Amino acid sequence: MCDAENVSSEFDTALYQIVACSLLVPPVKLSTVGSRVFSVAGPRVWNTLPEETRSAPSLTIFCQRVKTWLFRQSYPDLIINGLTLK
């Protein structure tokens, strides 16, 4: 999913350059709303995902990995069948 060759030239701008499946976060001009606009918040959240999740080979696997990551972020101390999720 994170192949630089598959990125349309329309999105090949300074805001959306793909480097190792990471997106560049544009500088924020307004401290009140600037960090909440999609063009800033989207890349910031994408970059916090684990590399394994960002480089998923399909949308289905990506969704499964995001769901697992979100679950583990929400319940870091949950123990299932004697194993602690980390």
PDB file of N, CA and C in Angstrom:
ATOM      1  N   MET A   1       0.812  -1.196   0.000  1.00  0.00           N
ATOM      2  CA  MET A   1       0.000   0.000   0.000  1.00  0.00           C
ATOM      3  C   MET A   1       0.851   1.254   0.000  1.00  0.00           C
ATOM      4  N   CYS A   2       2.080   1.108   0.368  1.00  0.00           N
ATOM      5  CA  CYS A   2       2.907   2.281   0.573  1.00  0.00           C
ATOM      6  C   CYS A   2       4.009   2.355  -0.466  1.00  0.00           C
ATOM      7  N   ASP A   3       3.667   2.138  -1.705  1.00  0.00           N
ATOM      8  CA  ASP A   3       4.627   2.117  -2.785  1.00  0.00           C
ATOM      9  C   ASP A   3       4.652   3.487  -3.443  1.00  0.00           C
ATOM     10  N   ALA A   4       5.813   4.121  -3.460  1.00  0.00           N
ATOM     11  CA  ALA A   4       5.931   5.473  -4.004  1.00  0.00           C
ATOM     12  C   ALA A   4       5.559   5.521  -5.477  1.00  0.00           C
ATOM     13  N   GLU A   5       5.706   4.415  -6.204  1.00  0.00           N
ATOM     14  CA  GLU A   5       5.376   4.398  -7.623  1.00  0.00           C
ATOM     15  C   GLU A   5       3.876   4.462  -7.855  1.00  0.00           C
ATOM     16  N   ASN A   6       3.065   4.068  -6.889  1.00  0.00           N
ATOM     17  CA  ASN A   6       1.618   4.074  -7.038  1.00  0.00           C
ATOM     18  C   ASN A   6       0.980   5.411  -6.684  1.00  0.00           C
ATOM     19  N   VAL A   7       1.761   6.379  -6.261  1.00  0.00           N
ATOM     20  CA  VAL A   7       1.228   7.677  -5.861  1.00  0.00           C
ATOM     21  C   VAL A   7       1.013   8.528  -7.099  1.00  0.00           C
ATOM     22  N   SER A   8      -0.170   9.043  -7.232  1.00  0.00           N
ATOM     23  CA  SER A   8      -0.487   9.895  -8.363  1.00  0.00           C
ATOM     24  C   SER A   8       0.345  11.174  -8.312  1.00  0.00           C
ATOM     25  N   SER A   9       0.713  11.697  -9.476  1.00  0.00           N
ATOM     26  CA  SER A   9       1.489  12.933  -9.510  1.00  0.00           C
ATOM     27  C   SER A   9       0.695  14.096  -8.932  1.00  0.00           C
ATOM     28  N   GLU A  10      -0.635  13.971  -8.896  1.00  0.00           N
ATOM     29  CA  GLU A  10      -1.482  14.997  -8.299  1.00  0.00           C
ATOM     30  C   GLU A  10      -1.142  15.180  -6.817  1.00  0.00           C
ATOM     31  N   PHE A  11      -0.753  14.101  -6.148  1.00  0.00           N
ATOM     32  CA  PHE A  11      -0.451  14.160  -4.730  1.00  0.00           C
ATOM     33  C   PHE A  11       1.042  14.254  -4.454  1.00  0.00           C
ATOM     34  N   ASP A  12       1.837  14.389  -5.487  1.00  0.00           N
ATOM     35  CA  ASP A  12       3.289  14.445  -5.323  1.00  0.00           C
ATOM     36  C   ASP A  12       3.705  15.888  -5.028  1.00  0.00           C
ATOM     37  N   THR A  13       3.283  16.377  -3.873  1.00  0.00           N
ATOM     38  CA  THR A  13       3.621  17.732  -3.460  1.00  0.00           C
ATOM     39  C   THR A  13       4.412  17.662  -2.164  1.00  0.00           C
ATOM     40  N   ALA A  14       4.832  18.802  -1.677  1.00  0.00           N
ATOM     41  CA  ALA A  14       5.593  18.839  -0.426  1.00  0.00           C
ATOM     42  C   ALA A  14       4.777  18.299   0.747  1.00  0.00           C
ATOM     43  N   LEU A  15       3.453  18.407   0.684  1.00  0.00           N
ATOM     44  CA  LEU A  15       2.618  17.926   1.778  1.00  0.00           C
ATOM     45  C   LEU A  15       2.548  16.409   1.820  1.00  0.00           C
ATOM     46  N   TYR A  16       2.649  15.766   0.682  1.00  0.00           N
ATOM     47  CA  TYR A  16       2.381  14.343   0.609  1.00  0.00           C
ATOM     48  C   TYR A  16       3.521  13.529   0.003  1.00  0.00           C
ATOM     49  N   GLN A  17       4.738  13.893   0.264  1.00  0.00           N
ATOM     50  CA  GLN A  17       5.849  13.101  -0.226  1.00  0.00           C
ATOM     51  C   GLN A  17       5.982  11.854   0.631  1.00  0.00           C
ATOM     52  N   ILE A  18       6.069  10.717  -0.012  1.00  0.00           N
ATOM     53  CA  ILE A  18       6.195   9.472   0.729  1.00  0.00           C
ATOM     54  C   ILE A  18       7.665   9.114   0.858  1.00  0.00           C
ATOM     55  N   VAL A  19       8.096   8.971   2.096  1.00  0.00           N
ATOM     56  CA  VAL A  19       9.452   8.548   2.399  1.00  0.00           C
ATOM     57  C   VAL A  19       9.321   7.441   3.437  1.00  0.00           C
ATOM     58  N   ALA A  20       9.623   6.220   3.060  1.00  0.00           N
ATOM     59  CA  ALA A  20       9.506   5.068   3.962  1.00  0.00           C
ATOM     60  C   ALA A  20       8.108   5.006   4.574  1.00  0.00           C
ATOM     61  N   CYS A  21       7.102   5.212   3.769  1.00  0.00           N
ATOM     62  CA  CYS A  21       5.697   5.150   4.186  1.00  0.00           C
ATOM     63  C   CYS A  21       5.320   6.227   5.198  1.00  0.00           C
ATOM     64  N   SER A  22       6.066   7.288   5.278  1.00  0.00           N
ATOM     65  CA  SER A  22       5.726   8.393   6.168  1.00  0.00           C
ATOM     66  C   SER A  22       5.286   9.587   5.332  1.00  0.00           C
ATOM     67  N   LEU A  23       4.402  10.379   5.886  1.00  0.00           N
ATOM     68  CA  LEU A  23       3.951  11.592   5.218  1.00  0.00           C
ATOM     69  C   LEU A  23       4.561  12.805   5.895  1.00  0.00           C
ATOM     70  N   LEU A  24       4.897  13.807   5.117  1.00  0.00           N
ATOM     71  CA  LEU A  24       5.423  15.039   5.689  1.00  0.00           C
ATOM     72  C   LEU A  24       4.278  15.855   6.262  1.00  0.00           C
ATOM     73  N   VAL A  25       4.454  16.327   7.475  1.00  0.00           N
ATOM     74  CA  VAL A  25       3.452  17.156   8.136  1.00  0.00           C
ATOM     75  C   VAL A  25       3.784  18.607   7.820  1.00  0.00           C
ATOM     76  N   PRO A  26       2.855  19.330   7.186  1.00  0.00           N
ATOM     77  CA  PRO A  26       3.136  20.714   6.837  1.00  0.00           C
ATOM     78  C   PRO A  26       3.239  21.591   8.083  1.00  0.00           C
ATOM     79  N   PRO A  27       3.963  22.692   7.990  1.00  0.00           N
ATOM     80  CA  PRO A  27       4.060  23.593   9.137  1.00  0.00           C
ATOM     81  C   PRO A  27       2.700  24.212   9.461  1.00  0.00           C
ATOM     82  N   VAL A  28       2.491  24.478  10.732  1.00  0.00           N
ATOM     83  CA  VAL A  28       1.227  25.051  11.209  1.00  0.00           C
ATOM     84  C   VAL A  28       1.384  26.556  11.318  1.00  0.00           C
ATOM     85  N   LYS A  29       0.431  27.286  10.719  1.00  0.00           N
ATOM     86  CA  LYS A  29       0.498  28.751  10.751  1.00  0.00           C
ATOM     87  C   LYS A  29      -0.352  29.345  11.869  1.00  0.00           C
ATOM     88  N   LEU A  30      -1.495  28.730  12.153  1.00  0.00           N
ATOM     89  CA  LEU A  30      -2.364  29.225  13.216  1.00  0.00           C
ATOM     90  C   LEU A  30      -2.369  28.224  14.366  1.00  0.00           C
ATOM     91  N   SER A  31      -1.971  28.665  15.541  1.00  0.00           N
ATOM     92  CA  SER A  31      -1.893  27.740  16.673  1.00  0.00           C
ATOM     93  C   SER A  31      -3.271  27.322  17.178  1.00  0.00           C
ATOM     94  N   THR A  32      -4.314  28.086  16.860  1.00  0.00           N
ATOM     95  CA  THR A  32      -5.637  27.762  17.378  1.00  0.00           C
ATOM     96  C   THR A  32      -6.293  26.610  16.617  1.00  0.00           C
ATOM     97  N   VAL A  33      -6.229  26.611  15.304  1.00  0.00           N
ATOM     98  CA  VAL A  33      -6.871  25.565  14.515  1.00  0.00           C
ATOM     99  C   VAL A  33      -5.915  24.851  13.573  1.00  0.00           C
ATOM    100  N   GLY A  34      -4.743  25.358  13.408  1.00  0.00           N
ATOM    101  CA  GLY A  34      -3.807  24.827  12.415  1.00  0.00           C
ATOM    102  C   GLY A  34      -3.471  23.369  12.571  1.00  0.00           C
ATOM    103  N   SER A  35      -3.314  22.889  13.807  1.00  0.00           N
ATOM    104  CA  SER A  35      -2.934  21.495  14.013  1.00  0.00           C
ATOM    105  C   SER A  35      -4.118  20.537  13.869  1.00  0.00           C
ATOM    106  N   ARG A  36      -5.335  21.082  13.753  1.00  0.00           N
ATOM    107  CA  ARG A  36      -6.521  20.234  13.654  1.00  0.00           C
ATOM    108  C   ARG A  36      -7.037  20.081  12.232  1.00  0.00           C
ATOM    109  N   VAL A  37      -6.495  20.845  11.287  1.00  0.00           N
ATOM    110  CA  VAL A  37      -6.950  20.711   9.905  1.00  0.00           C
ATOM    111  C   VAL A  37      -6.490  19.368   9.360  1.00  0.00           C
ATOM    112  N   PHE A  38      -7.250  18.816   8.419  1.00  0.00           N
ATOM    113  CA  PHE A  38      -6.984  17.463   7.926  1.00  0.00           C
ATOM    114  C   PHE A  38      -5.598  17.331   7.317  1.00  0.00           C
ATOM    115  N   SER A  39      -5.127  18.370   6.627  1.00  0.00           N
ATOM    116  CA  SER A  39      -3.823  18.281   5.970  1.00  0.00           C
ATOM    117  C   SER A  39      -2.673  18.184   6.968  1.00  0.00           C
ATOM    118  N   VAL A  40      -2.916  18.529   8.222  1.00  0.00           N
ATOM    119  CA  VAL A  40      -1.905  18.392   9.277  1.00  0.00           C
ATOM    120  C   VAL A  40      -2.198  17.166  10.140  1.00  0.00           C
ATOM    121  N   ALA A  41      -3.445  17.024  10.572  1.00  0.00           N
ATOM    122  CA  ALA A  41      -3.810  15.925  11.469  1.00  0.00           C
ATOM    123  C   ALA A  41      -3.694  14.566  10.785  1.00  0.00           C
ATOM    124  N   GLY A  42      -4.068  14.473   9.516  1.00  0.00           N
ATOM    125  CA  GLY A  42      -4.002  13.206   8.788  1.00  0.00           C
ATOM    126  C   GLY A  42      -2.593  12.632   8.735  1.00  0.00           C
ATOM    127  N   PRO A  43      -1.616  13.393   8.207  1.00  0.00           N
ATOM    128  CA  PRO A  43      -0.245  12.879   8.180  1.00  0.00           C
ATOM    129  C   PRO A  43       0.327  12.608   9.568  1.00  0.00           C
ATOM    130  N   ARG A  44      -0.060  13.422  10.542  1.00  0.00           N
ATOM    131  CA  ARG A  44       0.455  13.209  11.899  1.00  0.00           C
ATOM    132  C   ARG A  44      -0.029  11.865  12.457  1.00  0.00           C
ATOM    133  N   VAL A  45      -1.306  11.547  12.268  1.00  0.00           N
ATOM    134  CA  VAL A  45      -1.848  10.271  12.747  1.00  0.00           C
ATOM    135  C   VAL A  45      -1.243   9.123  11.949  1.00  0.00           C
ATOM    136  N   TRP A  46      -1.149   9.268  10.636  1.00  0.00           N
ATOM    137  CA  TRP A  46      -0.561   8.226   9.788  1.00  0.00           C
ATOM    138  C   TRP A  46       0.851   7.890  10.263  1.00  0.00           C
ATOM    139  N   ASN A  47       1.640   8.904  10.569  1.00  0.00           N
ATOM    140  CA  ASN A  47       3.023   8.683  10.981  1.00  0.00           C
ATOM    141  C   ASN A  47       3.142   8.022  12.353  1.00  0.00           C
ATOM    142  N   THR A  48       2.086   8.064  13.160  1.00  0.00           N
ATOM    143  CA  THR A  48       2.142   7.396  14.465  1.00  0.00           C
ATOM    144  C   THR A  48       1.831   5.906  14.362  1.00  0.00           C
ATOM    145  N   LEU A  49       1.261   5.480  13.238  1.00  0.00           N
ATOM    146  CA  LEU A  49       0.991   4.052  13.054  1.00  0.00           C
ATOM    147  C   LEU A  49       2.308   3.288  12.939  1.00  0.00           C
ATOM    148  N   PRO A  50       2.350   2.052  13.431  1.00  0.00           N
ATOM    149  CA  PRO A  50       3.562   1.243  13.288  1.00  0.00           C
ATOM    150  C   PRO A  50       3.873   0.994  11.807  1.00  0.00           C
ATOM    151  N   GLU A  51       5.144   0.848  11.501  1.00  0.00           N
ATOM    152  CA  GLU A  51       5.583   0.605  10.124  1.00  0.00           C
ATOM    153  C   GLU A  51       4.889  -0.622   9.529  1.00  0.00           C
ATOM    154  N   GLU A  52       4.722  -1.665  10.322  1.00  0.00           N
ATOM    155  CA  GLU A  52       4.067  -2.884   9.854  1.00  0.00           C
ATOM    156  C   GLU A  52       2.635  -2.595   9.384  1.00  0.00           C
ATOM    157  N   THR A  53       1.961  -1.705  10.067  1.00  0.00           N
ATOM    158  CA  THR A  53       0.586  -1.352   9.698  1.00  0.00           C
ATOM    159  C   THR A  53       0.578  -0.496   8.440  1.00  0.00           C
ATOM    160  N   ARG A  54       1.441   0.497   8.378  1.00  0.00           N
ATOM    161  CA  ARG A  54       1.470   1.393   7.224  1.00  0.00           C
ATOM    162  C   ARG A  54       1.853   0.677   5.935  1.00  0.00           C
ATOM    163  N   SER A  55       2.629  -0.377   6.038  1.00  0.00           N
ATOM    164  CA  SER A  55       3.084  -1.073   4.835  1.00  0.00           C
ATOM    165  C   SER A  55       2.277  -2.341   4.552  1.00  0.00           C
ATOM    166  N   ALA A  56       1.068  -2.413   5.042  1.00  0.00           N
ATOM    167  CA  ALA A  56       0.209  -3.581   4.814  1.00  0.00           C
ATOM    168  C   ALA A  56       0.005  -3.784   3.314  1.00  0.00           C
ATOM    169  N   PRO A  57       0.011  -5.041   2.868  1.00  0.00           N
ATOM    170  CA  PRO A  57      -0.098  -5.312   1.430  1.00  0.00           C
ATOM    171  C   PRO A  57      -1.502  -5.119   0.845  1.00  0.00           C
ATOM    172  N   SER A  58      -2.522  -5.050   1.687  1.00  0.00           N
ATOM    173  CA  SER A  58      -3.883  -4.863   1.174  1.00  0.00           C
ATOM    174  C   SER A  58      -4.689  -4.022   2.152  1.00  0.00           C
ATOM    175  N   LEU A  59      -5.806  -3.521   1.683  1.00  0.00           N
ATOM    176  CA  LEU A  59      -6.680  -2.708   2.528  1.00  0.00           C
ATOM    177  C   LEU A  59      -7.262  -3.533   3.666  1.00  0.00           C
ATOM    178  N   THR A  60      -7.610  -4.775   3.396  1.00  0.00           N
ATOM    179  CA  THR A  60      -8.173  -5.651   4.427  1.00  0.00           C
ATOM    180  C   THR A  60      -7.179  -5.864   5.559  1.00  0.00           C
ATOM    181  N   ILE A  61      -5.941  -6.159   5.224  1.00  0.00           N
ATOM    182  CA  ILE A  61      -4.907  -6.371   6.243  1.00  0.00           C
ATOM    183  C   ILE A  61      -4.613  -5.062   6.968  1.00  0.00           C
ATOM    184  N   PHE A  62      -4.597  -3.954   6.234  1.00  0.00           N
ATOM    185  CA  PHE A  62      -4.385  -2.653   6.862  1.00  0.00           C
ATOM    186  C   PHE A  62      -5.461  -2.384   7.911  1.00  0.00           C
ATOM    187  N   CYS A  63      -6.720  -2.630   7.567  1.00  0.00           N
ATOM    188  CA  CYS A  63      -7.823  -2.394   8.512  1.00  0.00           C
ATOM    189  C   CYS A  63      -7.708  -3.289   9.738  1.00  0.00           C
ATOM    190  N   GLN A  64      -7.325  -4.542   9.548  1.00  0.00           N
ATOM    191  CA  GLN A  64      -7.144  -5.450  10.677  1.00  0.00           C
ATOM    192  C   GLN A  64      -6.037  -4.953  11.603  1.00  0.00           C
ATOM    193  N   ARG A  65      -4.945  -4.503  11.013  1.00  0.00           N
ATOM    194  CA  ARG A  65      -3.813  -4.038  11.816  1.00  0.00           C
ATOM    195  C   ARG A  65      -4.123  -2.732  12.541  1.00  0.00           C
ATOM    196  N   VAL A  66      -4.871  -1.842  11.897  1.00  0.00           N
ATOM    197  CA  VAL A  66      -5.267  -0.589  12.558  1.00  0.00           C
ATOM    198  C   VAL A  66      -6.183  -0.903  13.739  1.00  0.00           C
ATOM    199  N   LYS A  67      -7.115  -1.812  13.547  1.00  0.00           N
ATOM    200  CA  LYS A  67      -8.035  -2.186  14.621  1.00  0.00           C
ATOM    201  C   LYS A  67      -7.271  -2.771  15.809  1.00  0.00           C
ATOM    202  N   THR A  68      -6.321  -3.653  15.535  1.00  0.00           N
ATOM    203  CA  THR A  68      -5.507  -4.242  16.597  1.00  0.00           C
ATOM    204  C   THR A  68      -4.684  -3.171  17.307  1.00  0.00           C
ATOM    205  N   TRP A  69      -4.088  -2.267  16.539  1.00  0.00           N
ATOM    206  CA  TRP A  69      -3.264  -1.196  17.122  1.00  0.00           C
ATOM    207  C   TRP A  69      -4.115  -0.281  18.007  1.00  0.00           C
ATOM    208  N   LEU A  70      -5.303   0.091  17.523  1.00  0.00           N
ATOM    209  CA  LEU A  70      -6.189   0.945  18.319  1.00  0.00           C
ATOM    210  C   LEU A  70      -6.636   0.241  19.599  1.00  0.00           C
ATOM    211  N   PHE A  71      -6.935  -1.044  19.497  1.00  0.00           N
ATOM    212  CA  PHE A  71      -7.331  -1.810  20.673  1.00  0.00           C
ATOM    213  C   PHE A  71      -6.212  -1.818  21.704  1.00  0.00           C
ATOM    214  N   ARG A  72      -5.003  -2.069  21.257  1.00  0.00           N
ATOM    215  CA  ARG A  72      -3.853  -2.113  22.178  1.00  0.00           C
ATOM    216  C   ARG A  72      -3.545  -0.742  22.768  1.00  0.00           C
ATOM    217  N   GLN A  73      -3.804   0.327  22.006  1.00  0.00           N
ATOM    218  CA  GLN A  73      -3.620   1.683  22.534  1.00  0.00           C
ATOM    219  C   GLN A  73      -4.654   1.985  23.616  1.00  0.00           C
ATOM    220  N   SER A  74      -5.855   1.475  23.437  1.00  0.00           N
ATOM    221  CA  SER A  74      -6.938   1.737  24.384  1.00  0.00           C
ATOM    222  C   SER A  74      -6.845   0.887  25.641  1.00  0.00           C
ATOM    223  N   TYR A  75      -6.343  -0.335  25.515  1.00  0.00           N
ATOM    224  CA  TYR A  75      -6.285  -1.275  26.627  1.00  0.00           C
ATOM    225  C   TYR A  75      -4.878  -1.862  26.770  1.00  0.00           C
ATOM    226  N   PRO A  76      -3.903  -1.044  27.150  1.00  0.00           N
ATOM    227  CA  PRO A  76      -2.514  -1.530  27.203  1.00  0.00           C
ATOM    228  C   PRO A  76      -2.258  -2.573  28.285  1.00  0.00           C
ATOM    229  N   ASP A  77      -3.062  -2.615  29.330  1.00  0.00           N
ATOM    230  CA  ASP A  77      -2.830  -3.538  30.444  1.00  0.00           C
ATOM    231  C   ASP A  77      -3.762  -4.744  30.432  1.00  0.00           C
ATOM    232  N   LEU A  78      -4.481  -4.937  29.335  1.00  0.00           N
ATOM    233  CA  LEU A  78      -5.425  -6.040  29.252  1.00  0.00           C
ATOM    234  C   LEU A  78      -4.688  -7.373  29.142  1.00  0.00           C
ATOM    235  N   ILE A  79      -5.137  -8.328  29.906  1.00  0.00           N
ATOM    236  CA  ILE A  79      -4.542  -9.673  29.888  1.00  0.00           C
ATOM    237  C   ILE A  79      -5.579 -10.645  29.331  1.00  0.00           C
ATOM    238  N   ILE A  80      -5.198 -11.367  28.276  1.00  0.00           N
ATOM    239  CA  ILE A  80      -6.077 -12.353  27.646  1.00  0.00           C
ATOM    240  C   ILE A  80      -5.376 -13.712  27.704  1.00  0.00           C
ATOM    241  N   ASN A  81      -6.052 -14.707  28.287  1.00  0.00           N
ATOM    242  CA  ASN A  81      -5.496 -16.071  28.393  1.00  0.00           C
ATOM    243  C   ASN A  81      -4.119 -16.099  29.043  1.00  0.00           C
ATOM    244  N   GLY A  82      -3.931 -15.277  30.050  1.00  0.00           N
ATOM    245  CA  GLY A  82      -2.658 -15.263  30.784  1.00  0.00           C
ATOM    246  C   GLY A  82      -1.550 -14.493  30.097  1.00  0.00           C
ATOM    247  N   LEU A  83      -1.811 -13.918  28.912  1.00  0.00           N
ATOM    248  CA  LEU A  83      -0.798 -13.156  28.197  1.00  0.00           C
ATOM    249  C   LEU A  83      -1.144 -11.680  28.247  1.00  0.00           C
ATOM    250  N   THR A  84      -0.155 -10.851  28.509  1.00  0.00           N
ATOM    251  CA  THR A  84      -0.363  -9.412  28.503  1.00  0.00           C
ATOM    252  C   THR A  84      -0.131  -8.914  27.083  1.00  0.00           C
ATOM    253  N   LEU A  85      -1.078  -8.149  26.549  1.00  0.00           N
ATOM    254  CA  LEU A  85      -0.912  -7.561  25.218  1.00  0.00           C
ATOM    255  C   LEU A  85       0.053  -6.395  25.307  1.00  0.00           C
ATOM    256  N   LYS A  86       1.054  -6.408  24.468  1.00  0.00           N
ATOM    257  CA  LYS A  86       2.028  -5.295  24.426  1.00  0.00           C
ATOM    258  C   LYS A  86       2.255  -4.866  23.022  1.00  0.00           C
TER     259      LYS A  86
END
